[in-house]
């Protein structure tokens, strides 16, 4: 077994003047980590996830709607979302975000 090391997230997730980049940075049978690079004004419209997720802002600024709650996320922000919670994400400046998808609790207990 070996470690997975990313020494420069910005190099893995280059920001552009328009658009959104998403890239799977790590995946195994228990979790998946997806990096996002958002240009100013880019968004993920309201959606849900079948799995619980963790959002971490590495760089930039996001406006989020989590269920009925609006919040802002700056570098260092950590957010846990339960499965099926409606949410949306909008970048108010160039932003790098990590999304960690966790294994469903039932799948973990059965393993």
C-alpha atoms as a PDB file:
ATOM      1  CA  UNK A   1       0.000   0.000   0.000  1.00  0.00           C
ATOM      2  CA  UNK A   2       1.343   3.453  -0.857  1.00  0.00           C
ATOM      3  CA  UNK A   3       0.373   6.996   0.031  1.00  0.00           C
ATOM      4  CA  UNK A   4      -1.289   9.361  -2.402  1.00  0.00           C
ATOM      5  CA  UNK A   5       0.341  12.794  -2.319  1.00  0.00           C
ATOM      6  CA  UNK A   6      -0.722  15.948  -4.138  1.00  0.00           C
ATOM      7  CA  UNK A   7       1.804  18.679  -3.447  1.00  0.00           C
ATOM      8  CA  UNK A   8       0.065  21.454  -5.414  1.00  0.00           C
ATOM      9  CA  UNK A   9      -3.731  21.441  -5.669  1.00  0.00           C
ATOM     10  CA  UNK A  10      -3.690  24.603  -7.789  1.00  0.00           C
ATOM     11  CA  UNK A  11      -1.594  22.803 -10.413  1.00  0.00           C
ATOM     12  CA  UNK A  12      -4.068  19.894 -10.431  1.00  0.00           C
ATOM     13  CA  UNK A  13      -7.053  22.255 -10.655  1.00  0.00           C
ATOM     14  CA  UNK A  14      -6.089  25.233 -12.834  1.00  0.00           C
ATOM     15  CA  UNK A  15      -8.500  28.159 -12.737  1.00  0.00           C
ATOM     16  CA  UNK A  16      -9.798  29.624 -16.001  1.00  0.00           C
ATOM     17  CA  UNK A  17     -11.595  32.861 -16.837  1.00  0.00           C
ATOM     18  CA  UNK A  18     -14.787  30.959 -17.567  1.00  0.00           C
ATOM     19  CA  UNK A  19     -16.142  27.512 -16.897  1.00  0.00           C
ATOM     20  CA  UNK A  20     -15.772  24.836 -14.283  1.00  0.00           C
ATOM     21  CA  UNK A  21     -13.182  22.085 -14.155  1.00  0.00           C
ATOM     22  CA  UNK A  22     -13.784  18.927 -12.143  1.00  0.00           C
ATOM     23  CA  UNK A  23     -11.251  16.158 -11.695  1.00  0.00           C
ATOM     24  CA  UNK A  24     -11.261  12.981  -9.605  1.00  0.00           C
ATOM     25  CA  UNK A  25      -8.164  13.273  -7.406  1.00  0.00           C
ATOM     26  CA  UNK A  26      -8.568  10.058  -5.426  1.00  0.00           C
ATOM     27  CA  UNK A  27     -10.892   7.062  -5.412  1.00  0.00           C
ATOM     28  CA  UNK A  28     -11.117   3.825  -3.477  1.00  0.00           C
ATOM     29  CA  UNK A  29     -13.960   1.602  -2.244  1.00  0.00           C
ATOM     30  CA  UNK A  30     -14.749   3.926   0.712  1.00  0.00           C
ATOM     31  CA  UNK A  31     -14.440   7.441  -0.683  1.00  0.00           C
ATOM     32  CA  UNK A  32     -13.918   9.604  -3.724  1.00  0.00           C
ATOM     33  CA  UNK A  33     -12.305  13.052  -3.734  1.00  0.00           C
ATOM     34  CA  UNK A  34     -13.209  15.388  -6.577  1.00  0.00           C
ATOM     35  CA  UNK A  35     -11.500  18.731  -7.072  1.00  0.00           C
ATOM     36  CA  UNK A  36     -13.366  21.640  -8.644  1.00  0.00           C
ATOM     37  CA  UNK A  37     -11.991  24.858 -10.108  1.00  0.00           C
ATOM     38  CA  UNK A  38     -14.720  27.464 -10.624  1.00  0.00           C
ATOM     39  CA  UNK A  39     -14.410  30.716 -12.542  1.00  0.00           C
ATOM     40  CA  UNK A  40     -16.253  33.706 -11.066  1.00  0.00           C
ATOM     41  CA  UNK A  41     -20.006  33.259 -11.483  1.00  0.00           C
ATOM     42  CA  UNK A  42     -19.874  29.539 -12.222  1.00  0.00           C
ATOM     43  CA  UNK A  43     -22.252  27.325 -10.284  1.00  0.00           C
ATOM     44  CA  UNK A  44     -23.625  23.899  -9.626  1.00  0.00           C
ATOM     45  CA  UNK A  45     -27.384  24.353  -9.641  1.00  0.00           C
ATOM     46  CA  UNK A  46     -29.514  22.710  -6.975  1.00  0.00           C
ATOM     47  CA  UNK A  47     -28.951  18.969  -6.799  1.00  0.00           C
ATOM     48  CA  UNK A  48     -28.627  16.160  -4.253  1.00  0.00           C
ATOM     49  CA  UNK A  49     -26.125  13.399  -3.649  1.00  0.00           C
ATOM     50  CA  UNK A  50     -27.016   9.806  -2.830  1.00  0.00           C
ATOM     51  CA  UNK A  51     -23.998   9.774  -0.489  1.00  0.00           C
ATOM     52  CA  UNK A  52     -22.902  12.036   2.371  1.00  0.00           C
ATOM     53  CA  UNK A  53     -20.298  14.583   1.230  1.00  0.00           C
ATOM     54  CA  UNK A  54     -17.746  16.974   2.682  1.00  0.00           C
ATOM     55  CA  UNK A  55     -17.031  20.320   1.005  1.00  0.00           C
ATOM     56  CA  UNK A  56     -13.733  22.103   1.663  1.00  0.00           C
ATOM     57  CA  UNK A  57     -12.771  25.465   0.164  1.00  0.00           C
ATOM     58  CA  UNK A  58      -9.062  25.667  -0.646  1.00  0.00           C
ATOM     59  CA  UNK A  59      -9.055  29.046  -2.377  1.00  0.00           C
ATOM     60  CA  UNK A  60     -11.693  31.632  -3.252  1.00  0.00           C
ATOM     61  CA  UNK A  61     -15.255  32.268  -2.120  1.00  0.00           C
ATOM     62  CA  UNK A  62     -18.498  30.327  -2.547  1.00  0.00           C
ATOM     63  CA  UNK A  63     -22.128  31.150  -1.870  1.00  0.00           C
ATOM     64  CA  UNK A  64     -23.980  27.958  -0.968  1.00  0.00           C
ATOM     65  CA  UNK A  65     -27.581  27.027  -0.353  1.00  0.00           C
ATOM     66  CA  UNK A  66     -27.782  23.950   1.884  1.00  0.00           C
ATOM     67  CA  UNK A  67     -31.391  22.878   2.143  1.00  0.00           C
ATOM     68  CA  UNK A  68     -33.090  26.151   3.144  1.00  0.00           C
ATOM     69  CA  UNK A  69     -29.928  27.694   4.646  1.00  0.00           C
ATOM     70  CA  UNK A  70     -27.703  30.170   2.786  1.00  0.00           C
ATOM     71  CA  UNK A  71     -24.043  30.350   3.787  1.00  0.00           C
ATOM     72  CA  UNK A  72     -20.704  31.615   2.542  1.00  0.00           C
ATOM     73  CA  UNK A  73     -17.572  29.504   2.340  1.00  0.00           C
ATOM     74  CA  UNK A  74     -14.039  30.916   2.390  1.00  0.00           C
ATOM     75  CA  UNK A  75     -10.651  29.148   2.449  1.00  0.00           C
ATOM     76  CA  UNK A  76     -10.583  26.783   5.400  1.00  0.00           C
ATOM     77  CA  UNK A  77     -14.362  26.247   5.459  1.00  0.00           C
ATOM     78  CA  UNK A  78     -15.418  22.636   6.104  1.00  0.00           C
ATOM     79  CA  UNK A  79     -19.023  21.504   5.501  1.00  0.00           C
ATOM     80  CA  UNK A  80     -20.617  18.069   5.957  1.00  0.00           C
ATOM     81  CA  UNK A  81     -23.808  17.387   3.996  1.00  0.00           C
ATOM     82  CA  UNK A  82     -25.977  14.362   4.686  1.00  0.00           C
ATOM     83  CA  UNK A  83     -27.144  12.299   1.724  1.00  0.00           C
ATOM     84  CA  UNK A  84     -30.081  13.715  -0.231  1.00  0.00           C
ATOM     85  CA  UNK A  85     -29.852  17.280   1.149  1.00  0.00           C
ATOM     86  CA  UNK A  86     -30.624  19.667  -1.738  1.00  0.00           C
ATOM     87  CA  UNK A  87     -27.758  22.102  -2.248  1.00  0.00           C
ATOM     88  CA  UNK A  88     -26.276  24.528  -4.763  1.00  0.00           C
ATOM     89  CA  UNK A  89     -22.850  26.162  -5.095  1.00  0.00           C
ATOM     90  CA  UNK A  90     -21.906  29.476  -6.751  1.00  0.00           C
ATOM     91  CA  UNK A  91     -18.400  30.952  -7.012  1.00  0.00           C
ATOM     92  CA  UNK A  92     -18.229  34.687  -6.354  1.00  0.00           C
ATOM     93  CA  UNK A  93     -14.530  34.716  -7.301  1.00  0.00           C
ATOM     94  CA  UNK A  94     -12.152  32.114  -8.787  1.00  0.00           C
ATOM     95  CA  UNK A  95     -12.417  29.170  -6.381  1.00  0.00           C
ATOM     96  CA  UNK A  96     -10.860  25.772  -5.760  1.00  0.00           C
ATOM     97  CA  UNK A  97     -13.055  23.341  -3.819  1.00  0.00           C
ATOM     98  CA  UNK A  98     -12.621  19.738  -2.715  1.00  0.00           C
ATOM     99  CA  UNK A  99     -15.637  17.445  -2.564  1.00  0.00           C
ATOM    100  CA  UNK A 100     -15.218  14.187  -0.653  1.00  0.00           C
ATOM    101  CA  UNK A 101     -17.924  11.594  -1.241  1.00  0.00           C
ATOM    102  CA  UNK A 102     -18.181   9.141   1.629  1.00  0.00           C
ATOM    103  CA  UNK A 103     -19.317   5.535   1.441  1.00  0.00           C
ATOM    104  CA  UNK A 104     -22.934   5.038   2.421  1.00  0.00           C
ATOM    105  CA  UNK A 105     -23.234   4.003   6.110  1.00  0.00           C
ATOM    106  CA  UNK A 106     -25.024   0.773   5.156  1.00  0.00           C
ATOM    107  CA  UNK A 107     -22.208  -0.180   2.777  1.00  0.00           C
ATOM    108  CA  UNK A 108     -19.559   0.528   5.449  1.00  0.00           C
ATOM    109  CA  UNK A 109     -21.363  -1.563   8.060  1.00  0.00           C
ATOM    110  CA  UNK A 110     -21.736  -4.483   5.646  1.00  0.00           C
ATOM    111  CA  UNK A 111     -18.085  -4.505   4.611  1.00  0.00           C
END
